[in-house]
Amino acid sequence: MTIFAQIYIDEDVDVLVATLLIARGLDATTARQQKTLGELDPQQLAFAASIGRCMLTHNRLDFEKLHTSYVLNNQTHAGIIIAKRRNPYEIAERVAMLLDTLTADEIANQLLYI
């Protein structure tokens, strides 16, 4: 069982969020670090799933549809966290609280909102 989910932050979320999560001892990476900038949302989620990382995004509409598609097609992902646009410090705080509350296994295949 994996305790803390590893986070993959898509390009529309401020990279400062990754820095703040890493400073808290959490495992976070960005689309820029993974050289996936400009990839479409389905490819972003597929990439995150392939490396076992939970997706963090602001893009609610597209990722809700993608999550539904994954469920209907019996595909798995490591979780999707939809963050309302806020100050990066507040987003990092909310993600950290979520990761302190739920294990990676509990987040897997879930669509969560912060």
PDB file of N, CA and C in Angstrom:
ATOM      1  N   MET A   1       0.846  -1.178   0.000  1.00  0.00           N
ATOM      2  CA  MET A   1       0.000   0.000   0.000  1.00  0.00           C
ATOM      3  C   MET A   1       0.893   1.243   0.000  1.00  0.00           C
ATOM      4  N   THR A   2       0.571   2.165  -0.892  1.00  0.00           N
ATOM      5  CA  THR A   2       1.284   3.438  -0.955  1.00  0.00           C
ATOM      6  C   THR A   2       0.574   4.437  -0.063  1.00  0.00           C
ATOM      7  N   ILE A   3       1.316   5.083   0.795  1.00  0.00           N
ATOM      8  CA  ILE A   3       0.707   6.028   1.730  1.00  0.00           C
ATOM      9  C   ILE A   3       0.359   7.342   1.036  1.00  0.00           C
ATOM     10  N   PHE A   4       1.355   8.072   0.550  1.00  0.00           N
ATOM     11  CA  PHE A   4       1.107   9.385  -0.041  1.00  0.00           C
ATOM     12  C   PHE A   4       1.057   9.293  -1.558  1.00  0.00           C
ATOM     13  N   ALA A   5       0.018   9.867  -2.133  1.00  0.00           N
ATOM     14  CA  ALA A   5      -0.081   9.932  -3.585  1.00  0.00           C
ATOM     15  C   ALA A   5       1.031  10.824  -4.121  1.00  0.00           C
ATOM     16  N   GLN A   6       1.552  10.448  -5.259  1.00  0.00           N
ATOM     17  CA  GLN A   6       2.510  11.282  -5.970  1.00  0.00           C
ATOM     18  C   GLN A   6       1.709  12.161  -6.927  1.00  0.00           C
ATOM     19  N   ILE A   7       2.079  13.414  -7.039  1.00  0.00           N
ATOM     20  CA  ILE A   7       1.283  14.382  -7.785  1.00  0.00           C
ATOM     21  C   ILE A   7       1.963  14.765  -9.097  1.00  0.00           C
ATOM     22  N   TYR A   8       1.159  14.817 -10.151  1.00  0.00           N
ATOM     23  CA  TYR A   8       1.576  15.333 -11.459  1.00  0.00           C
ATOM     24  C   TYR A   8       0.748  16.583 -11.724  1.00  0.00           C
ATOM     25  N   ILE A   9       1.402  17.717 -11.870  1.00  0.00           N
ATOM     26  CA  ILE A   9       0.725  19.009 -11.987  1.00  0.00           C
ATOM     27  C   ILE A   9       0.729  19.444 -13.443  1.00  0.00           C
ATOM     28  N   ASP A  10      -0.483  19.630 -13.997  1.00  0.00           N
ATOM     29  CA  ASP A  10      -0.528  20.021 -15.402  1.00  0.00           C
ATOM     30  C   ASP A  10      -0.152  21.486 -15.581  1.00  0.00           C
ATOM     31  N   GLU A  11      -0.007  21.887 -16.830  1.00  0.00           N
ATOM     32  CA  GLU A  11       0.608  23.184 -17.126  1.00  0.00           C
ATOM     33  C   GLU A  11      -0.234  24.391 -16.766  1.00  0.00           C
ATOM     34  N   ASP A  12      -1.524  24.204 -16.480  1.00  0.00           N
ATOM     35  CA  ASP A  12      -2.328  25.378 -16.128  1.00  0.00           C
ATOM     36  C   ASP A  12      -2.285  25.704 -14.637  1.00  0.00           C
ATOM     37  N   VAL A  13      -1.608  24.871 -13.852  1.00  0.00           N
ATOM     38  CA  VAL A  13      -1.439  25.127 -12.416  1.00  0.00           C
ATOM     39  C   VAL A  13      -0.054  25.745 -12.211  1.00  0.00           C
ATOM     40  N   ASP A  14       0.023  26.765 -11.414  1.00  0.00           N
ATOM     41  CA  ASP A  14       1.282  27.464 -11.134  1.00  0.00           C
ATOM     42  C   ASP A  14       2.329  26.476 -10.617  1.00  0.00           C
ATOM     43  N   VAL A  15       3.527  26.505 -11.209  1.00  0.00           N
ATOM     44  CA  VAL A  15       4.597  25.585 -10.802  1.00  0.00           C
ATOM     45  C   VAL A  15       5.025  25.797  -9.354  1.00  0.00           C
ATOM     46  N   LEU A  16       4.712  26.946  -8.783  1.00  0.00           N
ATOM     47  CA  LEU A  16       5.016  27.188  -7.374  1.00  0.00           C
ATOM     48  C   LEU A  16       4.325  26.154  -6.485  1.00  0.00           C
ATOM     49  N   VAL A  17       3.177  25.646  -6.917  1.00  0.00           N
ATOM     50  CA  VAL A  17       2.471  24.625  -6.134  1.00  0.00           C
ATOM     51  C   VAL A  17       3.372  23.405  -5.956  1.00  0.00           C
ATOM     52  N   ALA A  18       4.050  22.988  -7.012  1.00  0.00           N
ATOM     53  CA  ALA A  18       4.962  21.840  -6.912  1.00  0.00           C
ATOM     54  C   ALA A  18       6.080  22.128  -5.922  1.00  0.00           C
ATOM     55  N   THR A  19       6.660  23.295  -6.013  1.00  0.00           N
ATOM     56  CA  THR A  19       7.741  23.680  -5.100  1.00  0.00           C
ATOM     57  C   THR A  19       7.271  23.636  -3.648  1.00  0.00           C
ATOM     58  N   LEU A  20       6.080  24.152  -3.411  1.00  0.00           N
ATOM     59  CA  LEU A  20       5.536  24.172  -2.046  1.00  0.00           C
ATOM     60  C   LEU A  20       5.241  22.764  -1.536  1.00  0.00           C
ATOM     61  N   LEU A  21       4.732  21.899  -2.405  1.00  0.00           N
ATOM     62  CA  LEU A  21       4.458  20.517  -1.990  1.00  0.00           C
ATOM     63  C   LEU A  21       5.759  19.773  -1.695  1.00  0.00           C
ATOM     64  N   ILE A  22       6.752  19.970  -2.534  1.00  0.00           N
ATOM     65  CA  ILE A  22       8.054  19.330  -2.315  1.00  0.00           C
ATOM     66  C   ILE A  22       8.664  19.812  -1.003  1.00  0.00           C
ATOM     67  N   ALA A  23       8.516  21.096  -0.704  1.00  0.00           N
ATOM     68  CA  ALA A  23       9.036  21.642   0.559  1.00  0.00           C
ATOM     69  C   ALA A  23       8.375  20.984   1.762  1.00  0.00           C
ATOM     70  N   ARG A  24       7.159  20.468   1.581  1.00  0.00           N
ATOM     71  CA  ARG A  24       6.449  19.759   2.646  1.00  0.00           C
ATOM     72  C   ARG A  24       6.819  18.274   2.691  1.00  0.00           C
ATOM     73  N   GLY A  25       7.725  17.864   1.815  1.00  0.00           N
ATOM     74  CA  GLY A  25       8.149  16.473   1.792  1.00  0.00           C
ATOM     75  C   GLY A  25       7.296  15.584   0.914  1.00  0.00           C
ATOM     76  N   LEU A  26       6.446  16.189   0.089  1.00  0.00           N
ATOM     77  CA  LEU A  26       5.587  15.413  -0.800  1.00  0.00           C
ATOM     78  C   LEU A  26       6.246  15.289  -2.170  1.00  0.00           C
ATOM     79  N   ASP A  27       5.832  14.293  -2.922  1.00  0.00           N
ATOM     80  CA  ASP A  27       6.406  14.010  -4.235  1.00  0.00           C
ATOM     81  C   ASP A  27       5.530  14.658  -5.305  1.00  0.00           C
ATOM     82  N   ALA A  28       6.035  15.707  -5.933  1.00  0.00           N
ATOM     83  CA  ALA A  28       5.284  16.424  -6.963  1.00  0.00           C
ATOM     84  C   ALA A  28       6.195  16.715  -8.147  1.00  0.00           C
ATOM     85  N   THR A  29       5.622  16.640  -9.325  1.00  0.00           N
ATOM     86  CA  THR A  29       6.335  16.990 -10.548  1.00  0.00           C
ATOM     87  C   THR A  29       5.375  17.748 -11.451  1.00  0.00           C
ATOM     88  N   THR A  30       5.921  18.438 -12.424  1.00  0.00           N
ATOM     89  CA  THR A  30       5.101  19.270 -13.300  1.00  0.00           C
ATOM     90  C   THR A  30       5.199  18.801 -14.753  1.00  0.00           C
ATOM     91  N   ALA A  31       4.254  19.275 -15.549  1.00  0.00           N
ATOM     92  CA  ALA A  31       4.293  18.992 -16.985  1.00  0.00           C
ATOM     93  C   ALA A  31       5.599  19.516 -17.587  1.00  0.00           C
ATOM     94  N   ARG A  32       6.040  20.666 -17.121  1.00  0.00           N
ATOM     95  CA  ARG A  32       7.306  21.223 -17.627  1.00  0.00           C
ATOM     96  C   ARG A  32       8.470  20.281 -17.319  1.00  0.00           C
ATOM     97  N   GLN A  33       8.544  19.789 -16.083  1.00  0.00           N
ATOM     98  CA  GLN A  33       9.637  18.882 -15.702  1.00  0.00           C
ATOM     99  C   GLN A  33       9.582  17.580 -16.493  1.00  0.00           C
ATOM    100  N   GLN A  34       8.390  17.131 -16.808  1.00  0.00           N
ATOM    101  CA  GLN A  34       8.222  15.869 -17.530  1.00  0.00           C
ATOM    102  C   GLN A  34       8.244  16.046 -19.047  1.00  0.00           C
ATOM    103  N   LYS A  35       8.425  17.300 -19.489  1.00  0.00           N
ATOM    104  CA  LYS A  35       8.495  17.630 -20.917  1.00  0.00           C
ATOM    105  C   LYS A  35       7.221  17.231 -21.666  1.00  0.00           C
ATOM    106  N   THR A  36       6.080  17.511 -21.033  1.00  0.00           N
ATOM    107  CA  THR A  36       4.789  17.215 -21.661  1.00  0.00           C
ATOM    108  C   THR A  36       3.970  18.484 -21.901  1.00  0.00           C
ATOM    109  N   LEU A  37       4.625  19.640 -21.873  1.00  0.00           N
ATOM    110  CA  LEU A  37       3.918  20.894 -22.137  1.00  0.00           C
ATOM    111  C   LEU A  37       3.272  20.836 -23.515  1.00  0.00           C
ATOM    112  N   GLY A  38       2.045  21.333 -23.610  1.00  0.00           N
ATOM    113  CA  GLY A  38       1.351  21.385 -24.890  1.00  0.00           C
ATOM    114  C   GLY A  38       0.589  20.127 -25.251  1.00  0.00           C
ATOM    115  N   GLU A  39       0.774  19.063 -24.484  1.00  0.00           N
ATOM    116  CA  GLU A  39       0.021  17.834 -24.754  1.00  0.00           C
ATOM    117  C   GLU A  39      -1.454  18.065 -24.427  1.00  0.00           C
ATOM    118  N   LEU A  40      -2.322  17.398 -25.151  1.00  0.00           N
ATOM    119  CA  LEU A  40      -3.755  17.499 -24.896  1.00  0.00           C
ATOM    120  C   LEU A  40      -4.112  16.796 -23.593  1.00  0.00           C
ATOM    121  N   ASP A  41      -5.253  17.164 -23.033  1.00  0.00           N
ATOM    122  CA  ASP A  41      -5.666  16.612 -21.735  1.00  0.00           C
ATOM    123  C   ASP A  41      -5.718  15.083 -21.707  1.00  0.00           C
ATOM    124  N   PRO A  42      -6.261  14.411 -22.735  1.00  0.00           N
ATOM    125  CA  PRO A  42      -6.253  12.936 -22.678  1.00  0.00           C
ATOM    126  C   PRO A  42      -4.840  12.359 -22.571  1.00  0.00           C
ATOM    127  N   GLN A  43      -3.900  12.969 -23.276  1.00  0.00           N
ATOM    128  CA  GLN A  43      -2.512  12.499 -23.199  1.00  0.00           C
ATOM    129  C   GLN A  43      -1.902  12.817 -21.835  1.00  0.00           C
ATOM    130  N   GLN A  44      -2.261  13.965 -21.273  1.00  0.00           N
ATOM    131  CA  GLN A  44      -1.755  14.320 -19.942  1.00  0.00           C
ATOM    132  C   GLN A  44      -2.220  13.300 -18.903  1.00  0.00           C
ATOM    133  N   LEU A  45      -3.506  12.952 -18.938  1.00  0.00           N
ATOM    134  CA  LEU A  45      -4.019  11.986 -17.963  1.00  0.00           C
ATOM    135  C   LEU A  45      -3.421  10.603 -18.204  1.00  0.00           C
ATOM    136  N   ALA A  46      -3.305  10.209 -19.467  1.00  0.00           N
ATOM    137  CA  ALA A  46      -2.699   8.909 -19.773  1.00  0.00           C
ATOM    138  C   ALA A  46      -1.255   8.862 -19.279  1.00  0.00           C
ATOM    139  N   PHE A  47      -0.525   9.965 -19.459  1.00  0.00           N
ATOM    140  CA  PHE A  47       0.856  10.016 -18.976  1.00  0.00           C
ATOM    141  C   PHE A  47       0.893   9.901 -17.460  1.00  0.00           C
ATOM    142  N   ALA A  48       0.065  10.690 -16.781  1.00  0.00           N
ATOM    143  CA  ALA A  48       0.023  10.632 -15.313  1.00  0.00           C
ATOM    144  C   ALA A  48      -0.294   9.213 -14.847  1.00  0.00           C
ATOM    145  N   ALA A  49      -1.259   8.578 -15.501  1.00  0.00           N
ATOM    146  CA  ALA A  49      -1.628   7.203 -15.133  1.00  0.00           C
ATOM    147  C   ALA A  49      -0.457   6.252 -15.369  1.00  0.00           C
ATOM    148  N   SER A  50       0.265   6.459 -16.465  1.00  0.00           N
ATOM    149  CA  SER A  50       1.364   5.546 -16.805  1.00  0.00           C
ATOM    150  C   SER A  50       2.516   5.620 -15.809  1.00  0.00           C
ATOM    151  N   ILE A  51       2.661   6.768 -15.148  1.00  0.00           N
ATOM    152  CA  ILE A  51       3.739   6.896 -14.157  1.00  0.00           C
ATOM    153  C   ILE A  51       3.198   6.829 -12.726  1.00  0.00           C
ATOM    154  N   GLY A  52       1.916   6.484 -12.594  1.00  0.00           N
ATOM    155  CA  GLY A  52       1.321   6.271 -11.275  1.00  0.00           C
ATOM    156  C   GLY A  52       1.148   7.527 -10.448  1.00  0.00           C
ATOM    157  N   ARG A  53       0.905   8.654 -11.122  1.00  0.00           N
ATOM    158  CA  ARG A  53       0.758   9.921 -10.406  1.00  0.00           C
ATOM    159  C   ARG A  53      -0.652  10.466 -10.523  1.00  0.00           C
ATOM    160  N   CYS A  54      -1.102  11.050  -9.442  1.00  0.00           N
ATOM    161  CA  CYS A  54      -2.397  11.712  -9.372  1.00  0.00           C
ATOM    162  C   CYS A  54      -2.299  13.054 -10.100  1.00  0.00           C
ATOM    163  N   MET A  55      -3.278  13.330 -10.941  1.00  0.00           N
ATOM    164  CA  MET A  55      -3.306  14.557 -11.745  1.00  0.00           C
ATOM    165  C   MET A  55      -3.866  15.715 -10.934  1.00  0.00           C
ATOM    166  N   LEU A  56      -3.186  16.850 -10.935  1.00  0.00           N
ATOM    167  CA  LEU A  56      -3.694  18.079 -10.320  1.00  0.00           C
ATOM    168  C   LEU A  56      -3.912  19.090 -11.428  1.00  0.00           C
ATOM    169  N   THR A  57      -5.139  19.603 -11.537  1.00  0.00           N
ATOM    170  CA  THR A  57      -5.491  20.510 -12.624  1.00  0.00           C
ATOM    171  C   THR A  57      -6.534  21.517 -12.176  1.00  0.00           C
ATOM    172  N   HIS A  58      -6.669  22.586 -12.955  1.00  0.00           N
ATOM    173  CA  HIS A  58      -7.778  23.531 -12.783  1.00  0.00           C
ATOM    174  C   HIS A  58      -8.898  23.211 -13.778  1.00  0.00           C
ATOM    175  N   ASN A  59      -8.615  22.369 -14.737  1.00  0.00           N
ATOM    176  CA  ASN A  59      -9.496  22.128 -15.873  1.00  0.00           C
ATOM    177  C   ASN A  59     -10.622  21.151 -15.521  1.00  0.00           C
ATOM    178  N   ARG A  60     -11.640  21.652 -14.854  1.00  0.00           N
ATOM    179  CA  ARG A  60     -12.728  20.818 -14.345  1.00  0.00           C
ATOM    180  C   ARG A  60     -13.504  20.116 -15.457  1.00  0.00           C
ATOM    181  N   LEU A  61     -13.970  20.854 -16.444  1.00  0.00           N
ATOM    182  CA  LEU A  61     -14.860  20.272 -17.452  1.00  0.00           C
ATOM    183  C   LEU A  61     -14.219  19.122 -18.214  1.00  0.00           C
ATOM    184  N   ASP A  62     -13.024  19.333 -18.733  1.00  0.00           N
ATOM    185  CA  ASP A  62     -12.376  18.284 -19.522  1.00  0.00           C
ATOM    186  C   ASP A  62     -12.020  17.069 -18.675  1.00  0.00           C
ATOM    187  N   PHE A  63     -11.541  17.298 -17.460  1.00  0.00           N
ATOM    188  CA  PHE A  63     -11.122  16.160 -16.648  1.00  0.00           C
ATOM    189  C   PHE A  63     -12.304  15.413 -16.033  1.00  0.00           C
ATOM    190  N   GLU A  64     -13.431  16.073 -15.849  1.00  0.00           N
ATOM    191  CA  GLU A  64     -14.643  15.341 -15.450  1.00  0.00           C
ATOM    192  C   GLU A  64     -15.048  14.380 -16.565  1.00  0.00           C
ATOM    193  N   LYS A  65     -14.997  14.851 -17.806  1.00  0.00           N
ATOM    194  CA  LYS A  65     -15.328  13.995 -18.953  1.00  0.00           C
ATOM    195  C   LYS A  65     -14.330  12.850 -19.085  1.00  0.00           C
ATOM    196  N   LEU A  66     -13.052  13.157 -18.924  1.00  0.00           N
ATOM    197  CA  LEU A  66     -12.033  12.113 -19.015  1.00  0.00           C
ATOM    198  C   LEU A  66     -12.211  11.065 -17.924  1.00  0.00           C
ATOM    199  N   HIS A  67     -12.505  11.506 -16.711  1.00  0.00           N
ATOM    200  CA  HIS A  67     -12.728  10.561 -15.615  1.00  0.00           C
ATOM    201  C   HIS A  67     -13.902   9.642 -15.948  1.00  0.00           C
ATOM    202  N   THR A  68     -14.992  10.214 -16.431  1.00  0.00           N
ATOM    203  CA  THR A  68     -16.164   9.413 -16.805  1.00  0.00           C
ATOM    204  C   THR A  68     -15.800   8.408 -17.889  1.00  0.00           C
ATOM    205  N   SER A  69     -15.034   8.839 -18.870  1.00  0.00           N
ATOM    206  CA  SER A  69     -14.597   7.942 -19.936  1.00  0.00           C
ATOM    207  C   SER A  69     -13.751   6.795 -19.385  1.00  0.00           C
ATOM    208  N   TYR A  70     -12.851   7.100 -18.469  1.00  0.00           N
ATOM    209  CA  TYR A  70     -12.027   6.056 -17.854  1.00  0.00           C
ATOM    210  C   TYR A  70     -12.911   5.045 -17.118  1.00  0.00           C
ATOM    211  N   VAL A  71     -13.885   5.530 -16.379  1.00  0.00           N
ATOM    212  CA  VAL A  71     -14.779   4.636 -15.631  1.00  0.00           C
ATOM    213  C   VAL A  71     -15.546   3.739 -16.596  1.00  0.00           C
ATOM    214  N   LEU A  72     -16.142   4.333 -17.630  1.00  0.00           N
ATOM    215  CA  LEU A  72     -16.953   3.571 -18.586  1.00  0.00           C
ATOM    216  C   LEU A  72     -16.132   2.552 -19.362  1.00  0.00           C
ATOM    217  N   ASN A  73     -14.849   2.840 -19.570  1.00  0.00           N
ATOM    218  CA  ASN A  73     -13.976   1.942 -20.334  1.00  0.00           C
ATOM    219  C   ASN A  73     -13.095   1.065 -19.449  1.00  0.00           C
ATOM    220  N   ASN A  74     -13.414   1.027 -18.158  1.00  0.00           N
ATOM    221  CA  ASN A  74     -12.655   0.212 -17.198  1.00  0.00           C
ATOM    222  C   ASN A  74     -11.156   0.505 -17.230  1.00  0.00           C
ATOM    223  N   GLN A  75     -10.812   1.781 -17.427  1.00  0.00           N
ATOM    224  CA  GLN A  75      -9.418   2.208 -17.371  1.00  0.00           C
ATOM    225  C   GLN A  75      -9.143   2.739 -15.967  1.00  0.00           C
ATOM    226  N   THR A  76      -7.893   2.692 -15.581  1.00  0.00           N
ATOM    227  CA  THR A  76      -7.539   3.170 -14.246  1.00  0.00           C
ATOM    228  C   THR A  76      -6.588   4.364 -14.337  1.00  0.00           C
ATOM    229  N   HIS A  77      -6.646   5.178 -13.306  1.00  0.00           N
ATOM    230  CA  HIS A  77      -5.712   6.293 -13.161  1.00  0.00           C
ATOM    231  C   HIS A  77      -5.421   6.442 -11.676  1.00  0.00           C
ATOM    232  N   ALA A  78      -4.439   7.241 -11.343  1.00  0.00           N
ATOM    233  CA  ALA A  78      -4.017   7.389  -9.943  1.00  0.00           C
ATOM    234  C   ALA A  78      -4.798   8.464  -9.204  1.00  0.00           C
ATOM    235  N   GLY A  79      -5.843   8.998  -9.838  1.00  0.00           N
ATOM    236  CA  GLY A  79      -6.674  10.022  -9.227  1.00  0.00           C
ATOM    237  C   GLY A  79      -6.567  11.337  -9.972  1.00  0.00           C
ATOM    238  N   ILE A  80      -7.626  12.122  -9.862  1.00  0.00           N
ATOM    239  CA  ILE A  80      -7.655  13.460 -10.452  1.00  0.00           C
ATOM    240  C   ILE A  80      -8.119  14.416  -9.365  1.00  0.00           C
ATOM    241  N   ILE A  81      -7.332  15.446  -9.133  1.00  0.00           N
ATOM    242  CA  ILE A  81      -7.703  16.486  -8.172  1.00  0.00           C
ATOM    243  C   ILE A  81      -7.966  17.760  -8.968  1.00  0.00           C
ATOM    244  N   ILE A  82      -9.189  18.255  -8.856  1.00  0.00           N
ATOM    245  CA  ILE A  82      -9.569  19.501  -9.511  1.00  0.00           C
ATOM    246  C   ILE A  82      -9.447  20.618  -8.475  1.00  0.00           C
ATOM    247  N   ALA A  83      -8.604  21.586  -8.767  1.00  0.00           N
ATOM    248  CA  ALA A  83      -8.389  22.706  -7.844  1.00  0.00           C
ATOM    249  C   ALA A  83      -9.015  23.971  -8.418  1.00  0.00           C
ATOM    250  N   LYS A  84      -9.844  24.601  -7.627  1.00  0.00           N
ATOM    251  CA  LYS A  84     -10.366  25.914  -8.002  1.00  0.00           C
ATOM    252  C   LYS A  84      -9.180  26.876  -8.062  1.00  0.00           C
ATOM    253  N   ARG A  85      -9.236  27.818  -8.988  1.00  0.00           N
ATOM    254  CA  ARG A  85      -8.132  28.785  -9.111  1.00  0.00           C
ATOM    255  C   ARG A  85      -8.043  29.634  -7.848  1.00  0.00           C
ATOM    256  N   ARG A  86      -6.915  29.491  -7.180  1.00  0.00           N
ATOM    257  CA  ARG A  86      -6.640  30.208  -5.937  1.00  0.00           C
ATOM    258  C   ARG A  86      -5.159  30.557  -5.909  1.00  0.00           C
ATOM    259  N   ASN A  87      -4.772  31.216  -4.856  1.00  0.00           N
ATOM    260  CA  ASN A  87      -3.376  31.491  -4.578  1.00  0.00           C
ATOM    261  C   ASN A  87      -2.622  30.153  -4.509  1.00  0.00           C
ATOM    262  N   PRO A  88      -1.422  30.036  -5.110  1.00  0.00           N
ATOM    263  CA  PRO A  88      -0.668  28.781  -5.066  1.00  0.00           C
ATOM    264  C   PRO A  88      -0.443  28.244  -3.654  1.00  0.00           C
ATOM    265  N   TYR A  89      -0.270  29.130  -2.688  1.00  0.00           N
ATOM    266  CA  TYR A  89      -0.063  28.688  -1.306  1.00  0.00           C
ATOM    267  C   TYR A  89      -1.308  27.981  -0.774  1.00  0.00           C
ATOM    268  N   GLU A  90      -2.470  28.504  -1.112  1.00  0.00           N
ATOM    269  CA  GLU A  90      -3.714  27.882  -0.662  1.00  0.00           C
ATOM    270  C   GLU A  90      -3.945  26.547  -1.364  1.00  0.00           C
ATOM    271  N   ILE A  91      -3.633  26.482  -2.649  1.00  0.00           N
ATOM    272  CA  ILE A  91      -3.778  25.212  -3.371  1.00  0.00           C
ATOM    273  C   ILE A  91      -2.856  24.164  -2.755  1.00  0.00           C
ATOM    274  N   ALA A  92      -1.601  24.525  -2.524  1.00  0.00           N
ATOM    275  CA  ALA A  92      -0.649  23.581  -1.927  1.00  0.00           C
ATOM    276  C   ALA A  92      -1.127  23.124  -0.559  1.00  0.00           C
ATOM    277  N   GLU A  93      -1.651  24.042   0.235  1.00  0.00           N
ATOM    278  CA  GLU A  93      -2.178  23.695   1.562  1.00  0.00           C
ATOM    279  C   GLU A  93      -3.323  22.689   1.444  1.00  0.00           C
ATOM    280  N   ARG A  94      -4.230  22.928   0.510  1.00  0.00           N
ATOM    281  CA  ARG A  94      -5.376  22.028   0.336  1.00  0.00           C
ATOM    282  C   ARG A  94      -4.948  20.656  -0.174  1.00  0.00           C
ATOM    283  N   VAL A  95      -4.010  20.638  -1.111  1.00  0.00           N
ATOM    284  CA  VAL A  95      -3.506  19.352  -1.606  1.00  0.00           C
ATOM    285  C   VAL A  95      -2.825  18.596  -0.473  1.00  0.00           C
ATOM    286  N   ALA A  96      -1.999  19.269   0.296  1.00  0.00           N
ATOM    287  CA  ALA A  96      -1.303  18.622   1.415  1.00  0.00           C
ATOM    288  C   ALA A  96      -2.295  18.061   2.428  1.00  0.00           C
ATOM    289  N   MET A  97      -3.347  18.812   2.736  1.00  0.00           N
ATOM    290  CA  MET A  97      -4.368  18.309   3.672  1.00  0.00           C
ATOM    291  C   MET A  97      -5.052  17.067   3.110  1.00  0.00           C
ATOM    292  N   LEU A  98      -5.342  17.087   1.808  1.00  0.00           N
ATOM    293  CA  LEU A  98      -5.972  15.930   1.171  1.00  0.00           C
ATOM    294  C   LEU A  98      -5.056  14.714   1.249  1.00  0.00           C
ATOM    295  N   LEU A  99      -3.770  14.917   0.955  1.00  0.00           N
ATOM    296  CA  LEU A  99      -2.824  13.802   0.979  1.00  0.00           C
ATOM    297  C   LEU A  99      -2.561  13.302   2.392  1.00  0.00           C
ATOM    298  N   ASP A 100      -2.739  14.159   3.377  1.00  0.00           N
ATOM    299  CA  ASP A 100      -2.624  13.726   4.773  1.00  0.00           C
ATOM    300  C   ASP A 100      -3.850  12.939   5.221  1.00  0.00           C
ATOM    301  N   THR A 101      -4.952  13.109   4.500  1.00  0.00           N
ATOM    302  CA  THR A 101      -6.216  12.474   4.877  1.00  0.00           C
ATOM    303  C   THR A 101      -6.450  11.155   4.151  1.00  0.00           C
ATOM    304  N   LEU A 102      -6.114  11.117   2.865  1.00  0.00           N
ATOM    305  CA  LEU A 102      -6.374   9.936   2.037  1.00  0.00           C
ATOM    306  C   LEU A 102      -5.064   9.325   1.554  1.00  0.00           C
ATOM    307  N   THR A 103      -5.016   8.003   1.505  1.00  0.00           N
ATOM    308  CA  THR A 103      -3.838   7.327   0.963  1.00  0.00           C
ATOM    309  C   THR A 103      -3.899   7.350  -0.559  1.00  0.00           C
ATOM    310  N   ALA A 104      -2.783   7.012  -1.178  1.00  0.00           N
ATOM    311  CA  ALA A 104      -2.738   6.929  -2.635  1.00  0.00           C
ATOM    312  C   ALA A 104      -3.768   5.930  -3.144  1.00  0.00           C
ATOM    313  N   ASP A 105      -3.928   4.816  -2.441  1.00  0.00           N
ATOM    314  CA  ASP A 105      -4.906   3.807  -2.854  1.00  0.00           C
ATOM    315  C   ASP A 105      -6.331   4.331  -2.763  1.00  0.00           C
ATOM    316  N   GLU A 106      -6.595   5.178  -1.788  1.00  0.00           N
ATOM    317  CA  GLU A 106      -7.933   5.761  -1.641  1.00  0.00           C
ATOM    318  C   GLU A 106      -8.204   6.839  -2.689  1.00  0.00           C
ATOM    319  N   ILE A 107      -7.162   7.465  -3.184  1.00  0.00           N
ATOM    320  CA  ILE A 107      -7.299   8.507  -4.203  1.00  0.00           C
ATOM    321  C   ILE A 107      -7.397   7.905  -5.605  1.00  0.00           C
ATOM    322  N   ALA A 108      -6.791   6.747  -5.810  1.00  0.00           N
ATOM    323  CA  ALA A 108      -6.766   6.120  -7.133  1.00  0.00           C
ATOM    324  C   ALA A 108      -8.172   5.986  -7.706  1.00  0.00           C
ATOM    325  N   ASN A 109      -8.297   6.362  -8.962  1.00  0.00           N
ATOM    326  CA  ASN A 109      -9.547   6.271  -9.730  1.00  0.00           C
ATOM    327  C   ASN A 109     -10.659   7.167  -9.213  1.00  0.00           C
ATOM    328  N   GLN A 110     -10.309   8.132  -8.377  1.00  0.00           N
ATOM    329  CA  GLN A 110     -11.305   9.066  -7.842  1.00  0.00           C
ATOM    330  C   GLN A 110     -11.152  10.430  -8.503  1.00  0.00           C
ATOM    331  N   LEU A 111     -12.257  11.155  -8.535  1.00  0.00           N
ATOM    332  CA  LEU A 111     -12.278  12.544  -8.984  1.00  0.00           C
ATOM    333  C   LEU A 111     -12.565  13.378  -7.748  1.00  0.00           C
ATOM    334  N   LEU A 112     -11.597  14.187  -7.341  1.00  0.00           N
ATOM    335  CA  LEU A 112     -11.697  14.945  -6.095  1.00  0.00           C
ATOM    336  C   LEU A 112     -11.611  16.439  -6.381  1.00  0.00           C
ATOM    337  N   TYR A 113     -12.244  17.218  -5.518  1.00  0.00           N
ATOM    338  CA  TYR A 113     -12.287  18.672  -5.692  1.00  0.00           C
ATOM    339  C   TYR A 113     -11.725  19.364  -4.451  1.00  0.00           C
ATOM    340  N   ILE A 114     -10.873  20.360  -4.691  1.00  0.00           N
ATOM    341  CA  ILE A 114     -10.352  21.157  -3.573  1.00  0.00           C
ATOM    342  C   ILE A 114     -10.535  22.638  -3.882  1.00  0.00           C
TER     343      ILE A 114
END
